[in-house]
PDB file of N, CA and C in Angstrom:
ATOM      1  N   MET A   1      -3.524   9.079 125.531  1.00  0.00           N
ATOM      2  CA  MET A   1      -4.794   9.145 124.836  1.00  0.00           C
ATOM      3  C   MET A   1      -5.922   9.459 125.804  1.00  0.00           C
ATOM      4  N   GLU A   2      -5.788   9.099 127.049  1.00  0.00           N
ATOM      5  CA  GLU A   2      -6.833   9.320 128.036  1.00  0.00           C
ATOM      6  C   GLU A   2      -7.110  10.811 128.198  1.00  0.00           C
ATOM      7  N   VAL A   3      -6.054  11.627 128.195  1.00  0.00           N
ATOM      8  CA  VAL A   3      -6.208  13.074 128.358  1.00  0.00           C
ATOM      9  C   VAL A   3      -6.973  13.654 127.178  1.00  0.00           C
ATOM     10  N   ASN A   4      -6.680  13.204 125.966  1.00  0.00           N
ATOM     11  CA  ASN A   4      -7.380  13.710 124.787  1.00  0.00           C
ATOM     12  C   ASN A   4      -8.869  13.389 124.854  1.00  0.00           C
ATOM     13  N   ARG A   5      -9.218  12.198 125.339  1.00  0.00           N
ATOM     14  CA  ARG A   5     -10.627  11.814 125.436  1.00  0.00           C
ATOM     15  C   ARG A   5     -11.337  12.680 126.464  1.00  0.00           C
ATOM     16  N   ILE A   6     -10.663  12.954 127.585  1.00  0.00           N
ATOM     17  CA  ILE A   6     -11.256  13.798 128.633  1.00  0.00           C
ATOM     18  C   ILE A   6     -11.483  15.204 128.106  1.00  0.00           C
ATOM     19  N   LEU A   7     -10.493  15.743 127.396  1.00  0.00           N
ATOM     20  CA  LEU A   7     -10.633  17.088 126.835  1.00  0.00           C
ATOM     21  C   LEU A   7     -11.769  17.154 125.823  1.00  0.00           C
ATOM     22  N   ALA A   8     -11.924  16.122 125.018  1.00  0.00           N
ATOM     23  CA  ALA A   8     -13.010  16.092 124.041  1.00  0.00           C
ATOM     24  C   ALA A   8     -14.359  16.074 124.739  1.00  0.00           C
ATOM     25  N   GLU A   9     -14.481  15.326 125.837  1.00  0.00           N
ATOM     26  CA  GLU A   9     -15.736  15.292 126.582  1.00  0.00           C
ATOM     27  C   GLU A   9     -16.039  16.642 127.222  1.00  0.00           C
ATOM     28  N   ILE A  10     -15.010  17.286 127.748  1.00  0.00           N
ATOM     29  CA  ILE A  10     -15.198  18.617 128.339  1.00  0.00           C
ATOM     30  C   ILE A  10     -15.672  19.607 127.276  1.00  0.00           C
ATOM     31  N   ASP A  11     -15.050  19.571 126.099  1.00  0.00           N
ATOM     32  CA  ASP A  11     -15.464  20.465 125.005  1.00  0.00           C
ATOM     33  C   ASP A  11     -16.902  20.202 124.601  1.00  0.00           C
ATOM     34  N   ALA A  12     -17.328  18.928 124.575  1.00  0.00           N
ATOM     35  CA  ALA A  12     -18.703  18.597 124.227  1.00  0.00           C
ATOM     36  C   ALA A  12     -19.660  19.148 125.274  1.00  0.00           C
ATOM     37  N   GLN A  13     -19.305  19.016 126.556  1.00  0.00           N
ATOM     38  CA  GLN A  13     -20.155  19.547 127.624  1.00  0.00           C
ATOM     39  C   GLN A  13     -20.257  21.068 127.536  1.00  0.00           C
ATOM     40  N   ILE A  14     -19.159  21.737 127.235  1.00  0.00           N
ATOM     41  CA  ILE A  14     -19.171  23.202 127.099  1.00  0.00           C
ATOM     42  C   ILE A  14     -20.101  23.603 125.969  1.00  0.00           C
ATOM     43  N   ALA A  15     -20.048  22.895 124.850  1.00  0.00           N
ATOM     44  CA  ALA A  15     -20.917  23.213 123.719  1.00  0.00           C
ATOM     45  C   ALA A  15     -22.381  23.032 124.092  1.00  0.00           C
ATOM     46  N   LYS A  16     -22.705  21.964 124.820  1.00  0.00           N
ATOM     47  CA  LYS A  16     -24.091  21.731 125.249  1.00  0.00           C
ATOM     48  C   LYS A  16     -24.551  22.834 126.196  1.00  0.00           C
ATOM     49  N   LEU A  17     -23.694  23.228 127.128  1.00  0.00           N
ATOM     50  CA  LEU A  17     -24.051  24.290 128.076  1.00  0.00           C
ATOM     51  C   LEU A  17     -24.261  25.623 127.368  1.00  0.00           C
ATOM     52  N   GLN A  18     -23.448  25.911 126.368  1.00  0.00           N
ATOM     53  CA  GLN A  18     -23.628  27.152 125.620  1.00  0.00           C
ATOM     54  C   GLN A  18     -24.948  27.149 124.867  1.00  0.00           C
ATOM     55  N   GLN A  19     -25.316  26.015 124.293  1.00  0.00           N
ATOM     56  CA  GLN A  19     -26.607  25.925 123.605  1.00  0.00           C
ATOM     57  C   GLN A  19     -27.747  26.136 124.593  1.00  0.00           C
ATOM     58  N   ALA A  20     -27.642  25.551 125.781  1.00  0.00           N
ATOM     59  CA  ALA A  20     -28.680  25.725 126.796  1.00  0.00           C
ATOM     60  C   ALA A  20     -28.767  27.179 127.233  1.00  0.00           C
ATOM     61  N   ARG A  21     -27.645  27.850 127.362  1.00  0.00           N
ATOM     62  CA  ARG A  21     -27.630  29.260 127.765  1.00  0.00           C
ATOM     63  C   ARG A  21     -28.303  30.127 126.714  1.00  0.00           C
ATOM     64  N   VAL A  22     -28.026  29.830 125.440  1.00  0.00           N
ATOM     65  CA  VAL A  22     -28.642  30.602 124.361  1.00  0.00           C
ATOM     66  C   VAL A  22     -30.154  30.409 124.384  1.00  0.00           C
ATOM     67  N   LEU A  23     -30.609  29.184 124.616  1.00  0.00           N
ATOM     68  CA  LEU A  23     -32.051  28.917 124.655  1.00  0.00           C
ATOM     69  C   LEU A  23     -32.717  29.607 125.840  1.00  0.00           C
ATOM     70  N   LEU A  24     -32.046  29.598 126.988  1.00  0.00           N
ATOM     71  CA  LEU A  24     -32.643  30.192 128.177  1.00  0.00           C
ATOM     72  C   LEU A  24     -32.531  31.712 128.200  1.00  0.00           C
ATOM     73  N   GLY A  25     -31.410  32.245 127.782  1.00  0.00           N
ATOM     74  CA  GLY A  25     -31.178  33.675 127.911  1.00  0.00           C
ATOM     75  C   GLY A  25     -31.386  34.450 126.633  1.00  0.00           C
ATOM     76  N   GLY A  26     -31.782  33.837 125.568  1.00  0.00           N
ATOM     77  CA  GLY A  26     -31.900  34.529 124.298  1.00  0.00           C
ATOM     78  C   GLY A  26     -30.565  34.506 123.588  1.00  0.00           C
ATOM     79  N   SER A  27     -30.567  34.953 122.358  1.00  0.00           N
ATOM     80  CA  SER A  27     -29.310  34.921 121.591  1.00  0.00           C
ATOM     81  C   SER A  27     -28.419  36.053 122.041  1.00  0.00           C
ATOM     82  N   SER A  28     -27.308  35.710 122.582  1.00  0.00           N
ATOM     83  CA  SER A  28     -26.333  36.682 123.067  1.00  0.00           C
ATOM     84  C   SER A  28     -25.114  36.609 122.174  1.00  0.00           C
ATOM     85  N   THR A  29     -24.907  37.626 121.336  1.00  0.00           N
ATOM     86  CA  THR A  29     -23.780  37.614 120.399  1.00  0.00           C
ATOM     87  C   THR A  29     -22.530  38.223 121.002  1.00  0.00           C
ATOM     88  N   THR A  30     -22.623  38.803 122.214  1.00  0.00           N
ATOM     89  CA  THR A  30     -21.444  39.436 122.801  1.00  0.00           C
ATOM     90  C   THR A  30     -20.487  38.419 123.394  1.00  0.00           C
ATOM     91  N   ALA A  31     -20.991  37.278 123.814  1.00  0.00           N
ATOM     92  CA  ALA A  31     -20.124  36.268 124.416  1.00  0.00           C
ATOM     93  C   ALA A  31     -19.432  35.466 123.324  1.00  0.00           C
ATOM     94  N   ALA A  32     -18.136  35.320 123.444  1.00  0.00           N
ATOM     95  CA  ALA A  32     -17.365  34.549 122.466  1.00  0.00           C
ATOM     96  C   ALA A  32     -17.451  33.079 122.834  1.00  0.00           C
ATOM     97  N   PRO A  33     -17.565  32.202 121.859  1.00  0.00           N
ATOM     98  CA  PRO A  33     -17.623  30.780 122.175  1.00  0.00           C
ATOM     99  C   PRO A  33     -16.291  30.296 122.722  1.00  0.00           C
ATOM    100  N   ALA A  34     -16.368  29.345 123.638  1.00  0.00           N
ATOM    101  CA  ALA A  34     -15.156  28.817 124.263  1.00  0.00           C
ATOM    102  C   ALA A  34     -14.362  27.978 123.280  1.00  0.00           C
ATOM    103  N   VAL A  35     -15.063  27.273 122.396  1.00  0.00           N
ATOM    104  CA  VAL A  35     -14.404  26.423 121.421  1.00  0.00           C
ATOM    105  C   VAL A  35     -14.745  26.969 120.039  1.00  0.00           C
ATOM    106  N   ALA A  36     -13.745  27.466 119.356  1.00  0.00           N
ATOM    107  CA  ALA A  36     -13.966  28.027 118.025  1.00  0.00           C
ATOM    108  C   ALA A  36     -14.012  26.899 117.001  1.00  0.00           C
ATOM    109  N   LYS A  37     -14.911  27.033 116.047  1.00  0.00           N
ATOM    110  CA  LYS A  37     -14.989  26.038 114.982  1.00  0.00           C
ATOM    111  C   LYS A  37     -13.836  26.249 114.027  1.00  0.00           C
ATOM    112  N   LYS A  38     -13.392  25.160 113.446  1.00  0.00           N
ATOM    113  CA  LYS A  38     -12.340  25.271 112.449  1.00  0.00           C
ATOM    114  C   LYS A  38     -12.940  25.786 111.156  1.00  0.00           C
ATOM    115  N   ALA A  39     -12.250  26.671 110.490  1.00  0.00           N
ATOM    116  CA  ALA A  39     -12.699  27.169 109.204  1.00  0.00           C
ATOM    117  C   ALA A  39     -12.530  26.081 108.161  1.00  0.00           C
ATOM    118  N   VAL A  40     -13.489  25.992 107.273  1.00  0.00           N
ATOM    119  CA  VAL A  40     -13.455  24.987 106.232  1.00  0.00           C
ATOM    120  C   VAL A  40     -12.980  25.656 104.952  1.00  0.00           C
ATOM    121  N   GLY A  41     -12.101  25.003 104.230  1.00  0.00           N
ATOM    122  CA  GLY A  41     -11.648  25.532 102.950  1.00  0.00           C
ATOM    123  C   GLY A  41     -10.269  26.148 103.032  1.00  0.00           C
ATOM    124  N   ARG A  42      -9.968  26.869 101.994  1.00  0.00           N
ATOM    125  CA  ARG A  42      -8.656  27.480 101.861  1.00  0.00           C
ATOM    126  C   ARG A  42      -8.504  28.654 102.819  1.00  0.00           C
ATOM    127  N   PRO A  43      -7.339  28.791 103.477  1.00  0.00           N
ATOM    128  CA  PRO A  43      -7.149  29.907 104.387  1.00  0.00           C
ATOM    129  C   PRO A  43      -7.114  31.236 103.639  1.00  0.00           C
ATOM    130  N   ARG A  44      -7.522  32.283 104.332  1.00  0.00           N
ATOM    131  CA  ARG A  44      -7.538  33.602 103.713  1.00  0.00           C
ATOM    132  C   ARG A  44      -6.124  34.085 103.444  1.00  0.00           C
ATOM    133  N   LYS A  45      -6.000  34.877 102.394  1.00  0.00           N
ATOM    134  CA  LYS A  45      -4.709  35.450 102.037  1.00  0.00           C
ATOM    135  C   LYS A  45      -4.398  36.575 103.012  1.00  0.00           C
ATOM    136  N   ILE A  46      -3.189  36.570 103.536  1.00  0.00           N
ATOM    137  CA  ILE A  46      -2.770  37.622 104.456  1.00  0.00           C
ATOM    138  C   ILE A  46      -2.277  38.795 103.626  1.00  0.00           C
ATOM    139  N   VAL A  47      -2.939  39.933 103.792  1.00  0.00           N
ATOM    140  CA  VAL A  47      -2.577  41.123 103.027  1.00  0.00           C
ATOM    141  C   VAL A  47      -1.682  41.988 103.895  1.00  0.00           C
ATOM    142  N   ALA A  48      -0.518  42.312 103.374  1.00  0.00           N
ATOM    143  CA  ALA A  48       0.422  43.148 104.115  1.00  0.00           C
ATOM    144  C   ALA A  48      -0.085  44.578 104.157  1.00  0.00           C
ATOM    145  N   ALA A  49       0.193  45.250 105.244  1.00  0.00           N
ATOM    146  CA  ALA A  49      -0.194  46.643 105.380  1.00  0.00           C
ATOM    147  C   ALA A  49       0.613  47.478 104.393  1.00  0.00           C
ATOM    148  N   PRO A  50       0.002  48.522 103.839  1.00  0.00           N
ATOM    149  CA  PRO A  50       0.742  49.346 102.884  1.00  0.00           C
ATOM    150  C   PRO A  50       1.922  50.031 103.566  1.00  0.00           C
ATOM    151  N   THR A  51       3.024  50.073 102.859  1.00  0.00           N
ATOM    152  CA  THR A  51       4.221  50.683 103.434  1.00  0.00           C
ATOM    153  C   THR A  51       4.126  52.191 103.339  1.00  0.00           C
ATOM    154  N   VAL A  52       4.589  52.837 104.375  1.00  0.00           N
ATOM    155  CA  VAL A  52       4.563  54.288 104.416  1.00  0.00           C
ATOM    156  C   VAL A  52       5.942  54.790 104.032  1.00  0.00           C
ATOM    157  N   THR A  53       6.003  55.632 103.007  1.00  0.00           N
ATOM    158  CA  THR A  53       7.292  56.160 102.583  1.00  0.00           C
ATOM    159  C   THR A  53       7.550  57.476 103.295  1.00  0.00           C
ATOM    160  N   LYS A  54       8.791  57.674 103.641  1.00  0.00           N
ATOM    161  CA  LYS A  54       9.176  58.882 104.350  1.00  0.00           C
ATOM    162  C   LYS A  54       9.568  59.949 103.329  1.00  0.00           C
ATOM    163  N   SER A  55       8.809  61.014 103.291  1.00  0.00           N
ATOM    164  CA  SER A  55       9.153  62.111 102.385  1.00  0.00           C
ATOM    165  C   SER A  55       9.028  63.417 103.142  1.00  0.00           C
ATOM    166  N   THR A  56      10.109  64.201 103.113  1.00  0.00           N
ATOM    167  CA  THR A  56      10.106  65.469 103.831  1.00  0.00           C
ATOM    168  C   THR A  56       9.499  66.578 102.993  1.00  0.00           C
ATOM    169  N   GLY A  57       9.616  66.461 101.692  1.00  0.00           N
ATOM    170  CA  GLY A  57       9.039  67.475 100.817  1.00  0.00           C
ATOM    171  C   GLY A  57       8.398  66.842  99.608  1.00  0.00           C
ATOM    172  N   SER A  58       7.436  67.507  99.037  1.00  0.00           N
ATOM    173  CA  SER A  58       6.746  66.922  97.891  1.00  0.00           C
ATOM    174  C   SER A  58       7.569  67.053  96.616  1.00  0.00           C
ATOM    175  N   SER A  59       8.499  68.012  96.569  1.00  0.00           N
ATOM    176  CA  SER A  59       9.297  68.204  95.362  1.00  0.00           C
ATOM    177  C   SER A  59      10.734  67.708  95.545  1.00  0.00           C
ATOM    178  N   GLN A  60      10.910  66.664  96.345  1.00  0.00           N
ATOM    179  CA  GLN A  60      12.244  66.137  96.609  1.00  0.00           C
ATOM    180  C   GLN A  60      12.709  65.322  95.404  1.00  0.00           C
ATOM    181  N   LYS A  61      13.900  65.642  94.902  1.00  0.00           N
ATOM    182  CA  LYS A  61      14.431  64.966  93.721  1.00  0.00           C
ATOM    183  C   LYS A  61      15.477  63.949  94.123  1.00  0.00           C
ATOM    184  N   LYS A  62      15.710  62.985  93.249  1.00  0.00           N
ATOM    185  CA  LYS A  62      16.754  62.003  93.466  1.00  0.00           C
ATOM    186  C   LYS A  62      18.101  62.687  93.226  1.00  0.00           C
ATOM    187  N   ARG A  63      19.053  62.414  94.115  1.00  0.00           N
ATOM    188  CA  ARG A  63      20.351  63.051  94.001  1.00  0.00           C
ATOM    189  C   ARG A  63      21.238  62.231  93.077  1.00  0.00           C
ATOM    190  N   ASN A  64      21.885  62.888  92.149  1.00  0.00           N
ATOM    191  CA  ASN A  64      22.763  62.231  91.185  1.00  0.00           C
ATOM    192  C   ASN A  64      24.201  62.639  91.431  1.00  0.00           C
ATOM    193  N   LEU A  65      25.101  61.688  91.243  1.00  0.00           N
ATOM    194  CA  LEU A  65      26.524  61.976  91.368  1.00  0.00           C
ATOM    195  C   LEU A  65      27.077  62.357  89.998  1.00  0.00           C
ATOM    196  N   SER A  66      28.009  63.258  90.026  1.00  0.00           N
ATOM    197  CA  SER A  66      28.683  63.614  88.778  1.00  0.00           C
ATOM    198  C   SER A  66      29.652  62.491  88.420  1.00  0.00           C
ATOM    199  N   PRO A  67      30.030  62.388  87.172  1.00  0.00           N
ATOM    200  CA  PRO A  67      30.990  61.344  86.785  1.00  0.00           C
ATOM    201  C   PRO A  67      32.314  61.454  87.536  1.00  0.00           C
ATOM    202  N   GLU A  68      32.755  62.675  87.824  1.00  0.00           N
ATOM    203  CA  GLU A  68      34.005  62.863  88.549  1.00  0.00           C
ATOM    204  C   GLU A  68      33.884  62.320  89.981  1.00  0.00           C
ATOM    205  N   ALA A  69      32.761  62.600  90.633  1.00  0.00           N
ATOM    206  CA  ALA A  69      32.557  62.122  92.004  1.00  0.00           C
ATOM    207  C   ALA A  69      32.478  60.596  92.024  1.00  0.00           C
ATOM    208  N   ARG A  70      31.796  60.019  91.039  1.00  0.00           N
ATOM    209  CA  ARG A  70      31.690  58.568  90.948  1.00  0.00           C
ATOM    210  C   ARG A  70      33.069  57.939  90.781  1.00  0.00           C
ATOM    211  N   LYS A  71      33.948  58.579  89.963  1.00  0.00           N
ATOM    212  CA  LYS A  71      35.298  58.065  89.741  1.00  0.00           C
ATOM    213  C   LYS A  71      36.121  58.164  91.018  1.00  0.00           C
ATOM    214  N   ARG A  72      35.993  59.263  91.768  1.00  0.00           N
ATOM    215  CA  ARG A  72      36.720  59.410  93.031  1.00  0.00           C
ATOM    216  C   ARG A  72      36.322  58.316  94.029  1.00  0.00           C
ATOM    217  N   ILE A  73      35.025  58.041  94.107  1.00  0.00           N
ATOM    218  CA  ILE A  73      34.547  57.008  95.030  1.00  0.00           C
ATOM    219  C   ILE A  73      35.062  55.633  94.600  1.00  0.00           C
ATOM    220  N   ALA A  74      35.012  55.341  93.294  1.00  0.00           N
ATOM    221  CA  ALA A  74      35.489  54.054  92.793  1.00  0.00           C
ATOM    222  C   ALA A  74      36.978  53.884  93.055  1.00  0.00           C
ATOM    223  N   ASP A  75      37.754  54.934  92.826  1.00  0.00           N
ATOM    224  CA  ASP A  75      39.199  54.863  93.074  1.00  0.00           C
ATOM    225  C   ASP A  75      39.495  54.639  94.561  1.00  0.00           C
ATOM    226  N   ALA A  76      38.764  55.327  95.433  1.00  0.00           N
ATOM    227  CA  ALA A  76      38.987  55.168  96.875  1.00  0.00           C
ATOM    228  C   ALA A  76      38.657  53.743  97.306  1.00  0.00           C
ATOM    229  N   GLN A  77      37.590  53.164  96.753  1.00  0.00           N
ATOM    230  CA  GLN A  77      37.220  51.790  97.112  1.00  0.00           C
ATOM    231  C   GLN A  77      38.269  50.798  96.608  1.00  0.00           C
ATOM    232  N   LYS A  78      38.764  51.017  95.403  1.00  0.00           N
ATOM    233  CA  LYS A  78      39.802  50.135  94.864  1.00  0.00           C
ATOM    234  C   LYS A  78      41.050  50.195  95.730  1.00  0.00           C
ATOM    235  N   LYS A  79      41.365  51.392  96.240  1.00  0.00           N
ATOM    236  CA  LYS A  79      42.515  51.558  97.111  1.00  0.00           C
ATOM    237  C   LYS A  79      42.312  50.772  98.414  1.00  0.00           C
ATOM    238  N   ARG A  80      41.060  50.806  98.978  1.00  0.00           N
ATOM    239  CA  ARG A  80      40.758  50.049 100.200  1.00  0.00           C
ATOM    240  C   ARG A  80      40.901  48.550  99.960  1.00  0.00           C
ATOM    241  N   TRP A  81      40.406  48.078  98.819  1.00  0.00           N
ATOM    242  CA  TRP A  81      40.515  46.655  98.494  1.00  0.00           C
ATOM    243  C   TRP A  81      41.978  46.233  98.356  1.00  0.00           C
ATOM    244  N   ALA A  82      42.805  47.103  97.724  1.00  0.00           N
ATOM    245  CA  ALA A  82      44.208  46.771  97.544  1.00  0.00           C
ATOM    246  C   ALA A  82      44.906  46.690  98.907  1.00  0.00           C
ATOM    247  N   GLU A  83      44.588  47.611  99.832  1.00  0.00           N
ATOM    248  CA  GLU A  83      45.185  47.568 101.160  1.00  0.00           C
ATOM    249  C   GLU A  83      44.792  46.299 101.903  1.00  0.00           C
ATOM    250  N   ARG A  84      43.541  45.873 101.736  1.00  0.00           N
ATOM    251  CA  ARG A  84      43.082  44.654 102.401  1.00  0.00           C
ATOM    252  C   ARG A  84      43.800  43.422 101.828  1.00  0.00           C
ATOM    253  N   ARG A  85      44.017  43.416 100.507  1.00  0.00           N
ATOM    254  CA  ARG A  85      44.715  42.283  99.881  1.00  0.00           C
ATOM    255  C   ARG A  85      46.163  42.220 100.375  1.00  0.00           C
ATOM    256  N   LYS A  86      46.805  43.397 100.549  1.00  0.00           N
ATOM    257  CA  LYS A  86      48.198  43.428 101.022  1.00  0.00           C
ATOM    258  C   LYS A  86      48.283  42.891 102.452  1.00  0.00           C
ATOM    259  N   SER A  87      47.315  43.234 103.302  1.00  0.00           N
ATOM    260  CA  SER A  87      47.383  42.853 104.711  1.00  0.00           C
ATOM    261  C   SER A  87      47.113  41.357 104.912  1.00  0.00           C
ATOM    262  N   SER A  88      46.401  40.730 104.007  1.00  0.00           N
ATOM    263  CA  SER A  88      46.087  39.306 104.202  1.00  0.00           C
ATOM    264  C   SER A  88      46.962  38.391 103.388  1.00  0.00           C
TER     265      SER A  88
END
């Protein structure tokens, strides 16, 4: 607890010195305060940056599989699953 009390006293002295500097040197907004005040109230909502979609052409269409191609892929996958079941 002793360390916390010392740190609090140091922060108080820094705040007093900053006030004295402002009074003597005029209001200087370029210097950042050493001790930031805690924000009061609800924290701000973090807005995610908009996602950038990759598009090579403006008229790019979605590619569709024919029913025959879809059946070939399904049959090949079923064959892979059957081989895996046999091996285990």
